[in-house]
Amino acid sequence: MAMWQVWLTGLGAVVALMVLTWVASIIRRDASLVDRIWGLAFVVVAWAYAAAAGVWTPRTWLVLVLVSVWGLRLSIYLTWRNWGHGEDPRYQKMRERNPGTFAARSLVTIYLLQGLIAWIVSLPLLAAAGGLGSGELGWIDAVGVVLWLVGFVFEAGGDWQLSRFLADPANRGKVMDRGLWRYTRHPNYFGDTVVWWSYFVIALPSGAWWTFVGPLLMTVVIVKVSGVALTEKNMGSSQREGRDEYVRRTNAFFPGPRKAA
């Protein structure tokens, strides 16, 4: 199967996942189900690439393991975090603005749009899991794995630290400025970005330099659209104790030492 056919197979897989989740969201009246399956979408598309290519090299198995651990962890965490909280306020506002057409609009502007983004972002997975190159592992793959571990620690560790902080009633109304959050205001988003650049590094031995488009798009979305930018906007309207001091002293994205008081 040609590589473009493998890529289209991934598109079909992610569209099928998004449409099925959209149907579930109509039944449950909860469009934020899309957030819970975001990580799972990359697991599905990576395995679709591998199955369509049918070339099970060491690099194929490496990237499948890494993306499965990352994607399943993210989907499970978001499902646990949002369980019982109802629909995200972002989608509630969209529903209120378009009460009669929200179902159809959500299919296109929420589910299929995110599916398209996931498909483009997954380019490094196409190269690594789709059988490009010899598939033998080398030092560049080792660098990619180290990068993945750094990103995973920041993302998963940041999520775990924040969940523990929020679960303590004594921290109500306070700003999380401990652990990884002491060095960056968004360790989870930073880690997510590093993970995606690690997939690009692993894809490089296949000659797939062009797959940088995927992690670059993910970085732009995280930093400028839905991740850092949206959280910073919400943080700006909060009245948490010490928020202004925390913002002034702590890097927004890249980890670094705290600025002097």
Protein backbone atom coordinates (compact mmCIF):
# COMPACT_ATOMS: atom_id res chain seq x y z
CA MET A 1 0.00 0.00 0.00
CA ALA A 2 1.33 3.44 -0.95
CA MET A 3 2.14 5.88 1.85
CA TRP A 4 -0.65 8.26 0.80
CA GLN A 5 -3.10 5.36 1.08
CA VAL A 6 -1.79 4.56 4.56
CA TRP A 7 -2.29 8.22 5.51
CA LEU A 8 -5.88 8.15 4.21
CA THR A 9 -6.49 4.99 6.21
CA GLY A 10 -5.55 6.95 9.32
CA LEU A 11 -7.95 9.71 8.31
CA GLY A 12 -10.76 7.19 7.96
CA ALA A 13 -10.00 5.74 11.39
CA VAL A 14 -9.97 9.09 13.17
CA VAL A 15 -13.13 10.28 11.39
CA ALA A 16 -14.92 7.08 12.41
CA LEU A 17 -13.86 7.61 16.04
CA MET A 18 -15.00 11.24 15.99
CA VAL A 19 -18.39 10.44 14.43
CA LEU A 20 -19.07 7.67 16.95
CA THR A 21 -18.13 9.99 19.82
CA TRP A 22 -20.33 12.72 18.32
CA VAL A 23 -23.30 10.33 18.32
CA ALA A 24 -22.59 9.56 21.99
CA SER A 25 -22.41 13.30 22.72
CA ILE A 26 -25.85 13.85 21.17
CA ILE A 27 -27.31 11.11 23.35
CA ARG A 28 -25.61 12.44 26.50
CA ARG A 29 -25.93 16.12 25.57
CA ASP A 30 -22.24 16.58 26.35
CA ALA A 31 -20.00 17.82 23.53
CA SER A 32 -16.97 17.78 25.82
CA LEU A 33 -16.68 14.03 25.24
CA VAL A 34 -14.34 15.10 22.45
CA ASP A 35 -11.78 16.19 25.04
CA ARG A 36 -11.82 12.76 26.65
CA ILE A 37 -11.05 10.90 23.43
CA TRP A 38 -8.41 13.36 22.14
CA GLY A 39 -5.49 11.23 23.31
CA LEU A 40 -7.23 8.04 22.20
CA ALA A 41 -7.54 9.48 18.68
CA PHE A 42 -3.76 9.31 18.23
CA VAL A 43 -3.64 5.74 19.52
CA VAL A 44 -6.28 4.75 16.97
CA VAL A 45 -4.60 6.55 14.07
CA ALA A 46 -1.13 5.16 14.89
CA TRP A 47 -2.39 1.58 14.98
CA ALA A 48 -4.34 2.22 11.78
CA TYR A 49 -1.13 3.34 10.06
CA ALA A 50 0.74 0.28 11.26
CA ALA A 51 -2.02 -2.12 10.26
CA ALA A 52 -2.42 -0.54 6.81
CA ALA A 53 1.33 -0.54 6.11
CA GLY A 54 1.79 -4.05 7.48
CA VAL A 55 5.50 -3.43 8.16
CA TRP A 56 6.17 -4.29 11.81
CA THR A 57 9.68 -2.97 12.37
CA PRO A 58 11.32 -2.18 15.74
CA ARG A 59 10.57 1.52 15.14
CA THR A 60 6.92 0.67 14.46
CA TRP A 61 6.62 -1.08 17.80
CA LEU A 62 8.55 1.65 19.60
CA VAL A 63 6.24 4.45 18.46
CA LEU A 64 3.11 2.33 18.99
CA VAL A 65 4.10 1.67 22.61
CA LEU A 66 4.98 5.30 23.27
CA VAL A 67 1.85 6.80 21.72
CA SER A 68 -0.40 4.19 23.35
CA VAL A 69 0.99 4.93 26.83
CA TRP A 70 0.72 8.68 26.25
CA GLY A 71 -2.72 8.68 24.61
CA LEU A 72 -4.42 6.23 26.97
CA ARG A 73 -3.01 8.04 30.01
CA LEU A 74 -4.35 11.35 28.75
CA SER A 75 -7.81 10.03 27.89
CA ILE A 76 -8.16 8.17 31.19
CA TYR A 77 -7.02 11.20 33.16
CA LEU A 78 -9.39 13.62 31.41
CA THR A 79 -12.29 11.19 31.81
CA TRP A 80 -11.56 10.85 35.54
CA ARG A 81 -11.07 14.61 36.01
CA ASN A 82 -14.28 15.59 34.24
CA TRP A 83 -16.47 12.75 35.51
CA GLY A 84 -19.72 14.10 36.93
CA HIS A 85 -18.96 17.73 36.04
CA GLY A 86 -21.24 17.90 33.01
CA GLU A 87 -20.53 19.69 29.77
CA ASP A 88 -17.57 22.07 29.56
CA PRO A 89 -18.67 25.74 29.75
CA ARG A 90 -17.07 26.41 26.33
CA TYR A 91 -19.49 24.02 24.67
CA GLN A 92 -22.41 25.16 26.82
CA LYS A 93 -21.97 28.69 25.42
CA MET A 94 -21.89 27.32 21.87
CA ARG A 95 -25.06 25.35 22.58
CA GLU A 96 -26.80 28.45 23.94
CA ARG A 97 -25.85 30.51 20.88
CA ASN A 98 -27.09 27.85 18.43
CA PRO A 99 -29.84 25.88 20.21
CA GLY A 100 -31.49 24.60 17.03
CA THR A 101 -28.41 23.72 15.00
CA PHE A 102 -25.86 22.84 17.65
CA ALA A 103 -25.90 19.09 16.92
CA ALA A 104 -24.94 19.55 13.26
CA ARG A 105 -22.55 22.40 14.02
CA SER A 106 -20.76 20.42 16.71
CA LEU A 107 -20.12 17.57 14.27
CA VAL A 108 -18.25 19.91 11.93
CA THR A 109 -16.75 22.62 14.15
CA ILE A 110 -15.85 20.43 17.13
CA TYR A 111 -15.51 16.77 16.18
CA LEU A 112 -14.46 16.73 12.53
CA LEU A 113 -12.26 19.80 13.00
CA GLN A 114 -10.38 18.19 15.87
CA GLY A 115 -10.17 14.96 13.90
CA LEU A 116 -8.57 16.85 11.00
CA ILE A 117 -6.09 18.51 13.35
CA ALA A 118 -5.22 15.13 14.91
CA TRP A 119 -4.69 13.65 11.44
CA ILE A 120 -2.23 16.38 10.44
CA VAL A 121 -0.46 16.33 13.81
CA SER A 122 -0.01 12.56 13.46
CA LEU A 123 2.42 12.90 10.52
CA PRO A 124 5.43 11.69 12.58
CA LEU A 125 3.39 8.62 13.54
CA LEU A 126 2.71 7.97 9.85
CA ALA A 127 6.44 7.90 9.12
CA ALA A 128 7.48 5.93 12.20
CA ALA A 129 4.60 3.43 12.35
CA GLY A 130 3.92 3.34 8.61
CA GLY A 131 7.14 1.55 7.69
CA LEU A 132 9.24 4.33 6.11
CA GLY A 133 12.97 3.61 6.15
CA SER A 134 14.69 0.46 7.41
CA GLY A 135 12.98 0.54 10.79
CA GLU A 136 16.18 -0.30 12.64
CA LEU A 137 16.70 1.66 15.85
CA GLY A 138 19.71 3.89 16.47
CA TRP A 139 21.00 6.75 18.57
CA ILE A 140 18.51 9.24 17.11
CA ASP A 141 15.68 7.02 18.31
CA ALA A 142 17.32 7.00 21.75
CA VAL A 143 17.32 10.81 21.76
CA GLY A 144 13.64 10.70 20.84
CA VAL A 145 12.86 8.35 23.71
CA VAL A 146 14.70 10.60 26.18
CA LEU A 147 12.71 13.58 24.91
CA TRP A 148 9.50 11.56 25.26
CA LEU A 149 10.35 10.69 28.86
CA VAL A 150 11.01 14.36 29.69
CA GLY A 151 7.74 15.41 28.11
CA PHE A 152 5.76 12.62 29.74
CA VAL A 153 7.14 13.45 33.19
CA PHE A 154 6.17 17.11 32.79
CA GLU A 155 2.72 16.33 31.40
CA ALA A 156 1.67 13.41 33.59
CA GLY A 157 3.58 14.71 36.62
CA GLY A 158 2.04 18.17 36.27
CA ASP A 159 -1.47 16.71 36.01
CA TRP A 160 -0.90 14.49 39.06
CA GLN A 161 0.51 17.34 41.16
CA LEU A 162 -2.36 19.66 40.23
CA SER A 163 -5.02 17.05 40.98
CA ARG A 164 -3.54 16.45 44.45
CA PHE A 165 -3.37 20.20 45.08
CA LEU A 166 -7.00 20.77 44.07
CA ALA A 167 -8.20 17.79 46.13
CA ASP A 168 -6.95 19.42 49.35
CA PRO A 169 -9.62 21.78 50.78
CA ALA A 170 -6.85 23.82 52.44
CA ASN A 171 -5.72 24.95 48.97
CA ARG A 172 -9.08 26.38 47.94
CA GLY A 173 -8.59 29.86 46.48
CA LYS A 174 -4.81 29.47 46.26
CA VAL A 175 -2.47 29.24 43.28
CA MET A 176 -0.64 26.01 42.51
CA ASP A 177 3.05 27.02 42.62
CA ARG A 178 4.70 23.82 43.82
CA GLY A 179 6.58 20.97 42.17
CA LEU A 180 6.80 21.35 38.40
CA TRP A 181 4.39 24.27 38.60
CA ARG A 182 7.11 26.23 40.37
CA TYR A 183 9.15 26.38 37.15
CA THR A 184 6.45 26.86 34.53
CA ARG A 185 2.81 27.89 34.74
CA HIS A 186 1.90 25.12 32.31
CA PRO A 187 4.10 22.03 32.83
CA ASN A 188 1.41 19.77 31.35
CA TYR A 189 1.20 21.74 28.09
CA PHE A 190 4.98 22.04 27.89
CA GLY A 191 5.28 18.30 28.37
CA ASP A 192 2.64 17.60 25.73
CA THR A 193 4.57 19.69 23.21
CA VAL A 194 7.87 17.94 24.00
CA VAL A 195 6.21 14.55 23.55
CA TRP A 196 5.14 15.49 20.03
CA TRP A 197 8.56 16.77 19.07
CA SER A 198 9.97 13.46 20.34
CA TYR A 199 7.84 11.60 17.79
CA PHE A 200 9.31 13.84 15.10
CA VAL A 201 12.85 12.95 16.24
CA ILE A 202 11.98 9.24 16.11
CA ALA A 203 10.62 9.71 12.58
CA LEU A 204 13.80 11.44 11.35
CA PRO A 205 15.83 8.24 10.66
CA SER A 206 13.10 7.37 8.15
CA GLY A 207 14.04 10.50 6.20
CA ALA A 208 10.72 12.07 7.16
CA TRP A 209 11.96 15.59 7.91
CA TRP A 210 8.69 16.94 6.47
CA THR A 211 6.76 15.56 9.44
CA PHE A 212 7.79 18.63 11.47
CA VAL A 213 4.46 20.07 10.30
CA GLY A 214 2.68 17.83 12.83
CA PRO A 215 4.41 18.89 16.06
CA LEU A 216 4.58 22.47 14.82
CA LEU A 217 0.79 22.55 14.43
CA MET A 218 0.38 20.96 17.86
CA THR A 219 2.69 23.57 19.39
CA VAL A 220 0.75 26.45 17.81
CA VAL A 221 -2.59 25.02 18.97
CA ILE A 222 -1.34 24.45 22.52
CA VAL A 223 0.43 27.78 22.93
CA LYS A 224 -1.76 30.13 20.92
CA VAL A 225 -5.25 28.60 20.77
CA SER A 226 -6.67 26.07 23.21
CA GLY A 227 -4.01 25.39 25.82
CA VAL A 228 -1.80 28.08 27.27
CA ALA A 229 -3.71 31.03 25.78
CA LEU A 230 -7.12 29.85 27.02
CA THR A 231 -5.84 28.93 30.48
CA GLU A 232 -4.02 32.25 30.84
CA LYS A 233 -7.22 34.06 29.90
CA ASN A 234 -9.17 32.17 32.57
CA MET A 235 -6.36 32.69 35.08
CA GLY A 236 -6.47 36.43 34.43
CA SER A 237 -10.09 36.58 35.58
CA SER A 238 -9.52 34.52 38.72
CA GLN A 239 -9.10 35.93 42.21
CA ARG A 240 -6.79 33.24 43.56
CA GLU A 241 -4.47 34.29 46.32
CA GLY A 242 -0.98 35.12 45.03
CA ARG A 243 -1.96 34.89 41.35
CA ASP A 244 -0.29 38.14 40.25
CA GLU A 245 2.94 37.32 42.07
CA TYR A 246 2.95 33.81 40.60
CA VAL A 247 2.47 35.13 37.06
CA ARG A 248 5.22 37.71 37.51
CA ARG A 249 7.79 35.28 38.88
CA THR A 250 7.08 32.12 36.86
CA ASN A 251 7.69 31.43 33.17
CA ALA A 252 4.52 30.93 31.17
CA PHE A 253 5.68 27.94 29.11
CA PHE A 254 9.34 26.95 29.09
CA PRO A 255 10.58 25.81 32.53
CA GLY A 256 13.12 28.03 34.22
CA PRO A 257 14.20 29.38 37.61
CA ARG A 258 11.76 31.69 39.33
CA LYS A 259 12.37 35.40 38.88
CA ALA A 260 13.49 37.40 41.90
CA ALA A 261 10.81 38.84 44.17
